[in-house]
Amino acid sequence: MDTTPDTADRRRADLERTDRNIRSASWFGLIMLVPVCFGSLLVTLSSPRASGCVTYGMRCSDVPEGSIPGCFLAALLLGIAAVAWPRKLLPFPSARGWLLGLHIAAQLMTALLILSYI
C-alpha cells in the first residue's frame, strides 16, 4: 500500500506553505511601515537643509503636496490587502506575492520621498 500523497495534494500543500510564508512577510512589512517612515523623518530633520526649510522656509524640496501621504496610504492599503485577503478569493496563486511586492515598493517610495527633503 502506497502512503505517499499524490502530486496534486503535494502541490496544494506547497502552495499553502508558500502563501503562509508570504503572509508572514506581509505582516512584517506592515509592522515596519511606521518605523521606516519615522526613521526617515528623523534622518531628514537632522539635516541642515531640512531644518532650514522648517525654520526659515528656504531651500525646501520640490516634492508635490500629497505625494507622501498618498504613498503612505497606498503602502498601508496594499499591506492590509496582502495580509487579510482570504486565500480562496485570490485571483491567481501568486497574487499575494504581487501585493507584497507592491507594498514594499510603496513603502520604499514613501521613505525615499521623506528622505528627499535632505
PDB file of N, CA and C in Angstrom:
ATOM      1  N   MET A   1       0.836  -1.179   0.000  1.00  0.00           N
ATOM      2  CA  MET A   1       0.000   0.000   0.000  1.00  0.00           C
ATOM      3  C   MET A   1       0.882   1.244   0.000  1.00  0.00           C
ATOM      4  N   ASP A   2       0.619   2.145  -0.897  1.00  0.00           N
ATOM      5  CA  ASP A   2       1.392   3.370  -1.042  1.00  0.00           C
ATOM      6  C   ASP A   2       0.773   4.461  -0.179  1.00  0.00           C
ATOM      7  N   THR A   3       1.544   5.024   0.777  1.00  0.00           N
ATOM      8  CA  THR A   3       1.015   6.032   1.694  1.00  0.00           C
ATOM      9  C   THR A   3       1.470   7.439   1.345  1.00  0.00           C
ATOM     10  N   THR A   4       2.194   7.627   0.255  1.00  0.00           N
ATOM     11  CA  THR A   4       2.652   8.971  -0.122  1.00  0.00           C
ATOM     12  C   THR A   4       1.504   9.734  -0.781  1.00  0.00           C
ATOM     13  N   PRO A   5       1.406  11.020  -0.486  1.00  0.00           N
ATOM     14  CA  PRO A   5       0.327  11.796  -1.109  1.00  0.00           C
ATOM     15  C   PRO A   5       0.575  11.964  -2.596  1.00  0.00           C
ATOM     16  N   ASP A   6      -0.506  12.099  -3.327  1.00  0.00           N
ATOM     17  CA  ASP A   6      -0.334  12.257  -4.770  1.00  0.00           C
ATOM     18  C   ASP A   6       0.174  13.661  -5.087  1.00  0.00           C
ATOM     19  N   THR A   7       0.479  13.877  -6.331  1.00  0.00           N
ATOM     20  CA  THR A   7       1.120  15.111  -6.764  1.00  0.00           C
ATOM     21  C   THR A   7       0.234  16.335  -6.522  1.00  0.00           C
ATOM     22  N   ALA A   8      -1.060  16.213  -6.725  1.00  0.00           N
ATOM     23  CA  ALA A   8      -1.965  17.348  -6.537  1.00  0.00           C
ATOM     24  C   ALA A   8      -2.004  17.782  -5.075  1.00  0.00           C
ATOM     25  N   ASP A   9      -2.053  16.801  -4.168  1.00  0.00           N
ATOM     26  CA  ASP A   9      -2.053  17.146  -2.740  1.00  0.00           C
ATOM     27  C   ASP A   9      -0.733  17.775  -2.322  1.00  0.00           C
ATOM     28  N   ARG A  10       0.358  17.268  -2.853  1.00  0.00           N
ATOM     29  CA  ARG A  10       1.664  17.820  -2.539  1.00  0.00           C
ATOM     30  C   ARG A  10       1.789  19.248  -3.062  1.00  0.00           C
ATOM     31  N   ARG A  11       1.297  19.482  -4.276  1.00  0.00           N
ATOM     32  CA  ARG A  11       1.336  20.836  -4.863  1.00  0.00           C
ATOM     33  C   ARG A  11       0.468  21.798  -4.052  1.00  0.00           C
ATOM     34  N   ARG A  12      -0.706  21.363  -3.637  1.00  0.00           N
ATOM     35  CA  ARG A  12      -1.592  22.200  -2.831  1.00  0.00           C
ATOM     36  C   ARG A  12      -0.936  22.538  -1.485  1.00  0.00           C
ATOM     37  N   ALA A  13      -0.272  21.573  -0.878  1.00  0.00           N
ATOM     38  CA  ALA A  13       0.422  21.814   0.391  1.00  0.00           C
ATOM     39  C   ALA A  13       1.574  22.802   0.198  1.00  0.00           C
ATOM     40  N   ASP A  14       2.292  22.684  -0.916  1.00  0.00           N
ATOM     41  CA  ASP A  14       3.375  23.633  -1.198  1.00  0.00           C
ATOM     42  C   ASP A  14       2.838  25.043  -1.408  1.00  0.00           C
ATOM     43  N   LEU A  15       1.724  25.172  -2.128  1.00  0.00           N
ATOM     44  CA  LEU A  15       1.124  26.484  -2.343  1.00  0.00           C
ATOM     45  C   LEU A  15       0.645  27.107  -1.035  1.00  0.00           C
ATOM     46  N   GLU A  16       0.056  26.286  -0.159  1.00  0.00           N
ATOM     47  CA  GLU A  16      -0.408  26.797   1.132  1.00  0.00           C
ATOM     48  C   GLU A  16       0.761  27.227   2.008  1.00  0.00           C
ATOM     49  N   ARG A  17       1.841  26.476   1.987  1.00  0.00           N
ATOM     50  CA  ARG A  17       3.025  26.837   2.772  1.00  0.00           C
ATOM     51  C   ARG A  17       3.644  28.128   2.238  1.00  0.00           C
ATOM     52  N   THR A  18       3.726  28.257   0.922  1.00  0.00           N
ATOM     53  CA  THR A  18       4.245  29.476   0.315  1.00  0.00           C
ATOM     54  C   THR A  18       3.356  30.667   0.661  1.00  0.00           C
ATOM     55  N   ASP A  19       2.054  30.463   0.624  1.00  0.00           N
ATOM     56  CA  ASP A  19       1.114  31.532   0.953  1.00  0.00           C
ATOM     57  C   ASP A  19       1.265  31.959   2.410  1.00  0.00           C
ATOM     58  N   ARG A  20       1.450  31.012   3.306  1.00  0.00           N
ATOM     59  CA  ARG A  20       1.662  31.352   4.726  1.00  0.00           C
ATOM     60  C   ARG A  20       2.955  32.136   4.909  1.00  0.00           C
ATOM     61  N   ASN A  21       4.009  31.743   4.195  1.00  0.00           N
ATOM     62  CA  ASN A  21       5.283  32.466   4.296  1.00  0.00           C
ATOM     63  C   ASN A  21       5.162  33.890   3.770  1.00  0.00           C
ATOM     64  N   ILE A  22       4.464  34.058   2.665  1.00  0.00           N
ATOM     65  CA  ILE A  22       4.273  35.401   2.115  1.00  0.00           C
ATOM     66  C   ILE A  22       3.396  36.235   3.051  1.00  0.00           C
ATOM     67  N   ARG A  23       2.402  35.618   3.656  1.00  0.00           N
ATOM     68  CA  ARG A  23       1.549  36.342   4.610  1.00  0.00           C
ATOM     69  C   ARG A  23       2.368  36.775   5.823  1.00  0.00           C
ATOM     70  N   SER A  24       3.281  35.947   6.289  1.00  0.00           N
ATOM     71  CA  SER A  24       4.153  36.327   7.411  1.00  0.00           C
ATOM     72  C   SER A  24       5.060  37.491   7.026  1.00  0.00           C
ATOM     73  N   ALA A  25       5.609  37.444   5.823  1.00  0.00           N
ATOM     74  CA  ALA A  25       6.440  38.555   5.346  1.00  0.00           C
ATOM     75  C   ALA A  25       5.602  39.824   5.195  1.00  0.00           C
ATOM     76  N   SER A  26       4.349  39.681   4.807  1.00  0.00           N
ATOM     77  CA  SER A  26       3.464  40.837   4.691  1.00  0.00           C
ATOM     78  C   SER A  26       3.191  41.456   6.051  1.00  0.00           C
ATOM     79  N   TRP A  27       3.004  40.618   7.072  1.00  0.00           N
ATOM     80  CA  TRP A  27       2.839  41.140   8.439  1.00  0.00           C
ATOM     81  C   TRP A  27       4.065  41.938   8.852  1.00  0.00           C
ATOM     82  N   PHE A  28       5.243  41.394   8.580  1.00  0.00           N
ATOM     83  CA  PHE A  28       6.471  42.090   8.949  1.00  0.00           C
ATOM     84  C   PHE A  28       6.579  43.427   8.221  1.00  0.00           C
ATOM     85  N   GLY A  29       6.283  43.435   6.918  1.00  0.00           N
ATOM     86  CA  GLY A  29       6.337  44.679   6.155  1.00  0.00           C
ATOM     87  C   GLY A  29       5.331  45.696   6.650  1.00  0.00           C
ATOM     88  N   LEU A  30       4.143  45.242   7.021  1.00  0.00           N
ATOM     89  CA  LEU A  30       3.117  46.147   7.525  1.00  0.00           C
ATOM     90  C   LEU A  30       3.499  46.709   8.886  1.00  0.00           C
ATOM     91  N   ILE A  31       4.097  45.877   9.729  1.00  0.00           N
ATOM     92  CA  ILE A  31       4.535  46.345  11.054  1.00  0.00           C
ATOM     93  C   ILE A  31       5.678  47.343  10.916  1.00  0.00           C
ATOM     94  N   MET A  32       6.541  47.166   9.920  1.00  0.00           N
ATOM     95  CA  MET A  32       7.694  48.050   9.742  1.00  0.00           C
ATOM     96  C   MET A  32       7.366  49.354   9.015  1.00  0.00           C
ATOM     97  N   LEU A  33       6.140  49.542   8.574  1.00  0.00           N
ATOM     98  CA  LEU A  33       5.784  50.744   7.819  1.00  0.00           C
ATOM     99  C   LEU A  33       5.987  52.015   8.642  1.00  0.00           C
ATOM    100  N   VAL A  34       5.463  52.059   9.840  1.00  0.00           N
ATOM    101  CA  VAL A  34       5.588  53.263  10.676  1.00  0.00           C
ATOM    102  C   VAL A  34       7.029  53.488  11.132  1.00  0.00           C
ATOM    103  N   PRO A  35       7.759  52.465  11.613  1.00  0.00           N
ATOM    104  CA  PRO A  35       9.151  52.725  11.992  1.00  0.00           C
ATOM    105  C   PRO A  35      10.029  53.200  10.833  1.00  0.00           C
ATOM    106  N   VAL A  36       9.804  52.689   9.629  1.00  0.00           N
ATOM    107  CA  VAL A  36      10.588  53.135   8.470  1.00  0.00           C
ATOM    108  C   VAL A  36      10.299  54.604   8.179  1.00  0.00           C
ATOM    109  N   CYS A  37       9.032  54.985   8.208  1.00  0.00           N
ATOM    110  CA  CYS A  37       8.678  56.387   7.945  1.00  0.00           C
ATOM    111  C   CYS A  37       9.192  57.297   9.059  1.00  0.00           C
ATOM    112  N   PHE A  38       9.076  56.859  10.297  1.00  0.00           N
ATOM    113  CA  PHE A  38       9.552  57.667  11.420  1.00  0.00           C
ATOM    114  C   PHE A  38      11.074  57.812  11.374  1.00  0.00           C
ATOM    115  N   GLY A  39      11.786  56.733  11.070  1.00  0.00           N
ATOM    116  CA  GLY A  39      13.246  56.804  10.959  1.00  0.00           C
ATOM    117  C   GLY A  39      13.676  57.709   9.820  1.00  0.00           C
ATOM    118  N   SER A  40      12.975  57.630   8.691  1.00  0.00           N
ATOM    119  CA  SER A  40      13.284  58.521   7.572  1.00  0.00           C
ATOM    120  C   SER A  40      13.050  59.972   7.952  1.00  0.00           C
ATOM    121  N   LEU A  41      11.995  60.222   8.702  1.00  0.00           N
ATOM    122  CA  LEU A  41      11.699  61.584   9.141  1.00  0.00           C
ATOM    123  C   LEU A  41      12.773  62.101  10.089  1.00  0.00           C
ATOM    124  N   LEU A  42      13.242  61.248  10.999  1.00  0.00           N
ATOM    125  CA  LEU A  42      14.306  61.669  11.916  1.00  0.00           C
ATOM    126  C   LEU A  42      15.601  61.982  11.170  1.00  0.00           C
ATOM    127  N   VAL A  43      15.943  61.144  10.207  1.00  0.00           N
ATOM    128  CA  VAL A  43      17.158  61.393   9.417  1.00  0.00           C
ATOM    129  C   VAL A  43      17.015  62.697   8.638  1.00  0.00           C
ATOM    130  N   THR A  44      15.837  62.911   8.074  1.00  0.00           N
ATOM    131  CA  THR A  44      15.604  64.126   7.288  1.00  0.00           C
ATOM    132  C   THR A  44      15.670  65.371   8.160  1.00  0.00           C
ATOM    133  N   LEU A  45      15.033  65.337   9.312  1.00  0.00           N
ATOM    134  CA  LEU A  45      15.005  66.516  10.173  1.00  0.00           C
ATOM    135  C   LEU A  45      16.356  66.811  10.817  1.00  0.00           C
ATOM    136  N   SER A  46      17.262  65.856  10.812  1.00  0.00           N
ATOM    137  CA  SER A  46      18.578  66.103  11.388  1.00  0.00           C
ATOM    138  C   SER A  46      19.523  66.783  10.397  1.00  0.00           C
ATOM    139  N   SER A  47      19.098  66.949   9.148  1.00  0.00           N
ATOM    140  CA  SER A  47      19.969  67.591   8.169  1.00  0.00           C
ATOM    141  C   SER A  47      19.825  69.114   8.230  1.00  0.00           C
ATOM    142  N   PRO A  48      20.878  69.845   7.897  1.00  0.00           N
ATOM    143  CA  PRO A  48      20.797  71.311   7.925  1.00  0.00           C
ATOM    144  C   PRO A  48      19.816  71.875   6.896  1.00  0.00           C
ATOM    145  N   ARG A  49      19.719  71.220   5.744  1.00  0.00           N
ATOM    146  CA  ARG A  49      18.803  71.719   4.717  1.00  0.00           C
ATOM    147  C   ARG A  49      17.349  71.617   5.175  1.00  0.00           C
ATOM    148  N   ALA A  50      16.975  70.473   5.768  1.00  0.00           N
ATOM    149  CA  ALA A  50      15.596  70.305   6.223  1.00  0.00           C
ATOM    150  C   ALA A  50      15.280  71.226   7.386  1.00  0.00           C
ATOM    151  N   SER A  51      16.235  71.402   8.298  1.00  0.00           N
ATOM    152  CA  SER A  51      15.964  72.313   9.417  1.00  0.00           C
ATOM    153  C   SER A  51      15.829  73.745   8.928  1.00  0.00           C
ATOM    154  N   GLY A  52      16.605  74.128   7.891  1.00  0.00           N
ATOM    155  CA  GLY A  52      16.448  75.456   7.294  1.00  0.00           C
ATOM    156  C   GLY A  52      15.098  75.615   6.618  1.00  0.00           C
ATOM    157  N   CYS A  53      14.630  74.536   6.004  1.00  0.00           N
ATOM    158  CA  CYS A  53      13.315  74.579   5.357  1.00  0.00           C
ATOM    159  C   CYS A  53      12.212  74.721   6.390  1.00  0.00           C
ATOM    160  N   VAL A  54      12.301  73.961   7.482  1.00  0.00           N
ATOM    161  CA  VAL A  54      11.277  74.033   8.521  1.00  0.00           C
ATOM    162  C   VAL A  54      11.330  75.372   9.244  1.00  0.00           C
ATOM    163  N   THR A  55      12.528  75.860   9.552  1.00  0.00           N
ATOM    164  CA  THR A  55      12.670  77.082  10.336  1.00  0.00           C
ATOM    165  C   THR A  55      12.442  78.338   9.505  1.00  0.00           C
ATOM    166  N   TYR A  56      13.108  78.444   8.358  1.00  0.00           N
ATOM    167  CA  TYR A  56      13.090  79.681   7.579  1.00  0.00           C
ATOM    168  C   TYR A  56      12.314  79.578   6.265  1.00  0.00           C
ATOM    169  N   GLY A  57      11.960  78.401   5.849  1.00  0.00           N
ATOM    170  CA  GLY A  57      11.223  78.230   4.607  1.00  0.00           C
ATOM    171  C   GLY A  57      12.075  78.383   3.361  1.00  0.00           C
ATOM    172  N   MET A  58      13.373  78.197   3.483  1.00  0.00           N
ATOM    173  CA  MET A  58      14.242  78.331   2.311  1.00  0.00           C
ATOM    174  C   MET A  58      14.900  76.987   1.997  1.00  0.00           C
ATOM    175  N   ARG A  59      15.213  76.788   0.709  1.00  0.00           N
ATOM    176  CA  ARG A  59      15.828  75.560   0.206  1.00  0.00           C
ATOM    177  C   ARG A  59      14.966  74.326   0.464  1.00  0.00           C
ATOM    178  N   CYS A  60      13.658  74.506   0.376  1.00  0.00           N
ATOM    179  CA  CYS A  60      12.753  73.366   0.569  1.00  0.00           C
ATOM    180  C   CYS A  60      12.722  72.504  -0.696  1.00  0.00           C
ATOM    181  N   SER A  61      12.425  71.246  -0.523  1.00  0.00           N
ATOM    182  CA  SER A  61      12.376  70.311  -1.633  1.00  0.00           C
ATOM    183  C   SER A  61      11.119  70.543  -2.472  1.00  0.00           C
ATOM    184  N   ASP A  62      11.149  70.060  -3.703  1.00  0.00           N
ATOM    185  CA  ASP A  62      10.023  70.232  -4.617  1.00  0.00           C
ATOM    186  C   ASP A  62       9.132  68.994  -4.683  1.00  0.00           C
ATOM    187  N   VAL A  63       8.948  68.304  -3.577  1.00  0.00           N
ATOM    188  CA  VAL A  63       8.062  67.144  -3.553  1.00  0.00           C
ATOM    189  C   VAL A  63       6.624  67.662  -3.610  1.00  0.00           C
ATOM    190  N   PRO A  64       5.820  67.167  -4.559  1.00  0.00           N
ATOM    191  CA  PRO A  64       4.440  67.646  -4.669  1.00  0.00           C
ATOM    192  C   PRO A  64       3.628  67.351  -3.409  1.00  0.00           C
ATOM    193  N   GLU A  65       2.740  68.275  -3.095  1.00  0.00           N
ATOM    194  CA  GLU A  65       1.894  68.070  -1.925  1.00  0.00           C
ATOM    195  C   GLU A  65       1.015  66.843  -2.120  1.00  0.00           C
ATOM    196  N   GLY A  66       0.864  66.082  -1.078  1.00  0.00           N
ATOM    197  CA  GLY A  66       0.017  64.902  -1.116  1.00  0.00           C
ATOM    198  C   GLY A  66       0.699  63.643  -1.582  1.00  0.00           C
ATOM    199  N   SER A  67       1.923  63.733  -2.085  1.00  0.00           N
ATOM    200  CA  SER A  67       2.566  62.517  -2.579  1.00  0.00           C
ATOM    201  C   SER A  67       3.042  61.623  -1.431  1.00  0.00           C
ATOM    202  N   ILE A  68       3.518  62.212  -0.348  1.00  0.00           N
ATOM    203  CA  ILE A  68       3.965  61.398   0.790  1.00  0.00           C
ATOM    204  C   ILE A  68       2.773  60.725   1.466  1.00  0.00           C
ATOM    205  N   PRO A  69       1.706  61.468   1.815  1.00  0.00           N
ATOM    206  CA  PRO A  69       0.551  60.770   2.399  1.00  0.00           C
ATOM    207  C   PRO A  69      -0.083  59.772   1.428  1.00  0.00           C
ATOM    208  N   GLY A  70      -0.063  60.076   0.133  1.00  0.00           N
ATOM    209  CA  GLY A  70      -0.623  59.145  -0.844  1.00  0.00           C
ATOM    210  C   GLY A  70       0.159  57.842  -0.916  1.00  0.00           C
ATOM    211  N   CYS A  71       1.487  57.951  -0.918  1.00  0.00           N
ATOM    212  CA  CYS A  71       2.319  56.735  -0.934  1.00  0.00           C
ATOM    213  C   CYS A  71       2.168  55.956   0.373  1.00  0.00           C
ATOM    214  N   PHE A  72       2.081  56.680   1.492  1.00  0.00           N
ATOM    215  CA  PHE A  72       1.889  56.006   2.775  1.00  0.00           C
ATOM    216  C   PHE A  72       0.559  55.258   2.790  1.00  0.00           C
ATOM    217  N   LEU A  73      -0.503  55.914   2.310  1.00  0.00           N
ATOM    218  CA  LEU A  73      -1.817  55.272   2.270  1.00  0.00           C
ATOM    219  C   LEU A  73      -1.808  54.069   1.332  1.00  0.00           C
ATOM    220  N   ALA A  74      -1.149  54.192   0.189  1.00  0.00           N
ATOM    221  CA  ALA A  74      -1.054  53.062  -0.738  1.00  0.00           C
ATOM    222  C   ALA A  74      -0.307  51.894  -0.097  1.00  0.00           C
ATOM    223  N   ALA A  75       0.804  52.184   0.599  1.00  0.00           N
ATOM    224  CA  ALA A  75       1.559  51.123   1.265  1.00  0.00           C
ATOM    225  C   ALA A  75       0.719  50.470   2.353  1.00  0.00           C
ATOM    226  N   LEU A  76      -0.024  51.275   3.090  1.00  0.00           N
ATOM    227  CA  LEU A  76      -0.871  50.740   4.154  1.00  0.00           C
ATOM    228  C   LEU A  76      -1.962  49.835   3.579  1.00  0.00           C
ATOM    229  N   LEU A  77      -2.656  50.299   2.558  1.00  0.00           N
ATOM    230  CA  LEU A  77      -3.737  49.505   1.969  1.00  0.00           C
ATOM    231  C   LEU A  77      -3.217  48.238   1.288  1.00  0.00           C
ATOM    232  N   LEU A  78      -2.086  48.335   0.601  1.00  0.00           N
ATOM    233  CA  LEU A  78      -1.517  47.144  -0.031  1.00  0.00           C
ATOM    234  C   LEU A  78      -1.048  46.134   1.006  1.00  0.00           C
ATOM    235  N   GLY A  79      -0.477  46.628   2.120  1.00  0.00           N
ATOM    236  CA  GLY A  79      -0.058  45.727   3.189  1.00  0.00           C
ATOM    237  C   GLY A  79      -1.240  45.032   3.841  1.00  0.00           C
ATOM    238  N   ILE A  80      -2.304  45.782   4.082  1.00  0.00           N
ATOM    239  CA  ILE A  80      -3.503  45.181   4.680  1.00  0.00           C
ATOM    240  C   ILE A  80      -4.109  44.160   3.725  1.00  0.00           C
ATOM    241  N   ALA A  81      -4.148  44.481   2.435  1.00  0.00           N
ATOM    242  CA  ALA A  81      -4.683  43.526   1.457  1.00  0.00           C
ATOM    243  C   ALA A  81      -3.833  42.265   1.396  1.00  0.00           C
ATOM    244  N   ALA A  82      -2.510  42.417   1.470  1.00  0.00           N
ATOM    245  CA  ALA A  82      -1.620  41.248   1.414  1.00  0.00           C
ATOM    246  C   ALA A  82      -1.790  40.363   2.636  1.00  0.00           C
ATOM    247  N   VAL A  83      -2.107  40.960   3.766  1.00  0.00           N
ATOM    248  CA  VAL A  83      -2.268  40.178   4.990  1.00  0.00           C
ATOM    249  C   VAL A  83      -3.667  39.578   5.096  1.00  0.00           C
ATOM    250  N   ALA A  84      -4.683  40.352   4.773  1.00  0.00           N
ATOM    251  CA  ALA A  84      -6.051  39.965   5.119  1.00  0.00           C
ATOM    252  C   ALA A  84      -6.841  39.293   4.000  1.00  0.00           C
ATOM    253  N   TRP A  85      -6.388  39.359   2.759  1.00  0.00           N
ATOM    254  CA  TRP A  85      -7.165  38.788   1.673  1.00  0.00           C
ATOM    255  C   TRP A  85      -7.230  37.270   1.818  1.00  0.00           C
ATOM    256  N   PRO A  86      -8.418  36.691   1.861  1.00  0.00           N
ATOM    257  CA  PRO A  86      -8.533  35.234   2.016  1.00  0.00           C
ATOM    258  C   PRO A  86      -7.905  34.489   0.837  1.00  0.00           C
ATOM    259  N   ARG A  87      -7.278  33.372   1.140  1.00  0.00           N
ATOM    260  CA  ARG A  87      -6.561  32.594   0.130  1.00  0.00           C
ATOM    261  C   ARG A  87      -7.494  32.122  -0.976  1.00  0.00           C
ATOM    262  N   LYS A  88      -8.713  31.752  -0.630  1.00  0.00           N
ATOM    263  CA  LYS A  88      -9.632  31.214  -1.630  1.00  0.00           C
ATOM    264  C   LYS A  88     -10.165  32.281  -2.582  1.00  0.00           C
ATOM    265  N   LEU A  89     -10.072  33.551  -2.195  1.00  0.00           N
ATOM    266  CA  LEU A  89     -10.576  34.627  -3.046  1.00  0.00           C
ATOM    267  C   LEU A  89      -9.488  35.310  -3.865  1.00  0.00           C
ATOM    268  N   LEU A  90      -8.255  34.841  -3.753  1.00  0.00           N
ATOM    269  CA  LEU A  90      -7.176  35.413  -4.555  1.00  0.00           C
ATOM    270  C   LEU A  90      -7.412  35.079  -6.028  1.00  0.00           C
ATOM    271  N   PRO A  91      -7.219  36.046  -6.926  1.00  0.00           N
ATOM    272  CA  PRO A  91      -7.499  35.779  -8.339  1.00  0.00           C
ATOM    273  C   PRO A  91      -6.548  34.769  -8.985  1.00  0.00           C
ATOM    274  N   PHE A  92      -5.306  34.674  -8.502  1.00  0.00           N
ATOM    275  CA  PHE A  92      -4.349  33.702  -9.008  1.00  0.00           C
ATOM    276  C   PHE A  92      -3.391  33.379  -7.864  1.00  0.00           C
ATOM    277  N   PRO A  93      -2.703  32.234  -7.912  1.00  0.00           N
ATOM    278  CA  PRO A  93      -1.910  31.778  -6.760  1.00  0.00           C
ATOM    279  C   PRO A  93      -0.820  32.736  -6.304  1.00  0.00           C
ATOM    280  N   SER A  94      -0.230  33.494  -7.205  1.00  0.00           N
ATOM    281  CA  SER A  94       0.865  34.378  -6.790  1.00  0.00           C
ATOM    282  C   SER A  94       0.400  35.812  -6.513  1.00  0.00           C
ATOM    283  N   ALA A  95      -0.894  36.016  -6.349  1.00  0.00           N
ATOM    284  CA  ALA A  95      -1.422  37.370  -6.138  1.00  0.00           C
ATOM    285  C   ALA A  95      -0.918  37.976  -4.822  1.00  0.00           C
ATOM    286  N   ARG A  96      -0.816  37.168  -3.777  1.00  0.00           N
ATOM    287  CA  ARG A  96      -0.334  37.698  -2.502  1.00  0.00           C
ATOM    288  C   ARG A  96       1.127  38.138  -2.614  1.00  0.00           C
ATOM    289  N   GLY A  97       1.913  37.423  -3.380  1.00  0.00           N
ATOM    290  CA  GLY A  97       3.297  37.828  -3.610  1.00  0.00           C
ATOM    291  C   GLY A  97       3.379  39.151  -4.361  1.00  0.00           C
ATOM    292  N   TRP A  98       2.499  39.337  -5.334  1.00  0.00           N
ATOM    293  CA  TRP A  98       2.458  40.608  -6.055  1.00  0.00           C
ATOM    294  C   TRP A  98       2.029  41.738  -5.134  1.00  0.00           C
ATOM    295  N   LEU A  99       1.046  41.480  -4.277  1.00  0.00           N
ATOM    296  CA  LEU A  99       0.625  42.506  -3.315  1.00  0.00           C
ATOM    297  C   LEU A  99       1.769  42.870  -2.371  1.00  0.00           C
ATOM    298  N   LEU A 100       2.515  41.867  -1.933  1.00  0.00           N
ATOM    299  CA  LEU A 100       3.660  42.132  -1.063  1.00  0.00           C
ATOM    300  C   LEU A 100       4.711  42.967  -1.794  1.00  0.00           C
ATOM    301  N   GLY A 101       4.986  42.643  -3.035  1.00  0.00           N
ATOM    302  CA  GLY A 101       5.952  43.420  -3.810  1.00  0.00           C
ATOM    303  C   GLY A 101       5.510  44.864  -4.000  1.00  0.00           C
ATOM    304  N   LEU A 102       4.236  45.065  -4.294  1.00  0.00           N
ATOM    305  CA  LEU A 102       3.717  46.425  -4.442  1.00  0.00           C
ATOM    306  C   LEU A 102       3.740  47.182  -3.114  1.00  0.00           C
ATOM    307  N   HIS A 103       3.467  46.473  -2.028  1.00  0.00           N
ATOM    308  CA  HIS A 103       3.535  47.097  -0.697  1.00  0.00           C
ATOM    309  C   HIS A 103       4.957  47.566  -0.392  1.00  0.00           C
ATOM    310  N   ILE A 104       5.926  46.718  -0.662  1.00  0.00           N
ATOM    311  CA  ILE A 104       7.322  47.078  -0.409  1.00  0.00           C
ATOM    312  C   ILE A 104       7.737  48.255  -1.287  1.00  0.00           C
ATOM    313  N   ALA A 105       7.302  48.250  -2.550  1.00  0.00           N
ATOM    314  CA  ALA A 105       7.637  49.362  -3.446  1.00  0.00           C
ATOM    315  C   ALA A 105       7.025  50.671  -2.952  1.00  0.00           C
ATOM    316  N   ALA A 106       5.779  50.629  -2.504  1.00  0.00           N
ATOM    317  CA  ALA A 106       5.135  51.846  -1.992  1.00  0.00           C
ATOM    318  C   ALA A 106       5.785  52.307  -0.695  1.00  0.00           C
ATOM    319  N   GLN A 107       6.187  51.368   0.154  1.00  0.00           N
ATOM    320  CA  GLN A 107       6.856  51.725   1.405  1.00  0.00           C
ATOM    321  C   GLN A 107       8.209  52.370   1.131  1.00  0.00           C
ATOM    322  N   LEU A 108       8.962  51.806   0.215  1.00  0.00           N
ATOM    323  CA  LEU A 108      10.250  52.395  -0.146  1.00  0.00           C
ATOM    324  C   LEU A 108      10.077  53.765  -0.794  1.00  0.00           C
ATOM    325  N   MET A 109       9.055  53.915  -1.611  1.00  0.00           N
ATOM    326  CA  MET A 109       8.806  55.209  -2.235  1.00  0.00           C
ATOM    327  C   MET A 109       8.438  56.253  -1.180  1.00  0.00           C
ATOM    328  N   THR A 110       7.669  55.862  -0.183  1.00  0.00           N
ATOM    329  CA  THR A 110       7.341  56.785   0.906  1.00  0.00           C
ATOM    330  C   THR A 110       8.601  57.217   1.638  1.00  0.00           C
ATOM    331  N   ALA A 111       9.455  56.262   1.966  1.00  0.00           N
ATOM    332  CA  ALA A 111      10.694  56.588   2.672  1.00  0.00           C
ATOM    333  C   ALA A 111      11.596  57.475   1.812  1.00  0.00           C
ATOM    334  N   LEU A 112      11.681  57.175   0.519  1.00  0.00           N
ATOM    335  CA  LEU A 112      12.520  57.999  -0.353  1.00  0.00           C
ATOM    336  C   LEU A 112      11.975  59.403  -0.527  1.00  0.00           C
ATOM    337  N   LEU A 113      10.675  59.550  -0.574  1.00  0.00           N
ATOM    338  CA  LEU A 113      10.088  60.892  -0.662  1.00  0.00           C
ATOM    339  C   LEU A 113      10.356  61.693   0.608  1.00  0.00           C
ATOM    340  N   ILE A 114      10.281  61.025   1.761  1.00  0.00           N
ATOM    341  CA  ILE A 114      10.589  61.708   3.010  1.00  0.00           C
ATOM    342  C   ILE A 114      12.071  62.097   3.043  1.00  0.00           C
ATOM    343  N   LEU A 115      12.934  61.181   2.606  1.00  0.00           N
ATOM    344  CA  LEU A 115      14.370  61.456   2.602  1.00  0.00           C
ATOM    345  C   LEU A 115      14.775  62.481   1.545  1.00  0.00           C
ATOM    346  N   SER A 116      13.912  62.761   0.598  1.00  0.00           N
ATOM    347  CA  SER A 116      14.272  63.717  -0.456  1.00  0.00           C
ATOM    348  C   SER A 116      14.330  65.140   0.048  1.00  0.00           C
ATOM    349  N   TYR A 117      13.894  65.385   1.255  1.00  0.00           N
ATOM    350  CA  TYR A 117      13.989  66.712   1.826  1.00  0.00           C
ATOM    351  C   TYR A 117      15.409  67.038   2.289  1.00  0.00           C
ATOM    352  N   ILE A 118      16.297  66.053   2.287  1.00  0.00           N
ATOM    353  CA  ILE A 118      17.683  66.284   2.725  1.00  0.00           C
ATOM    354  C   ILE A 118      18.402  67.140   1.714  1.00  0.00           C
TER     355      ILE A 118
END
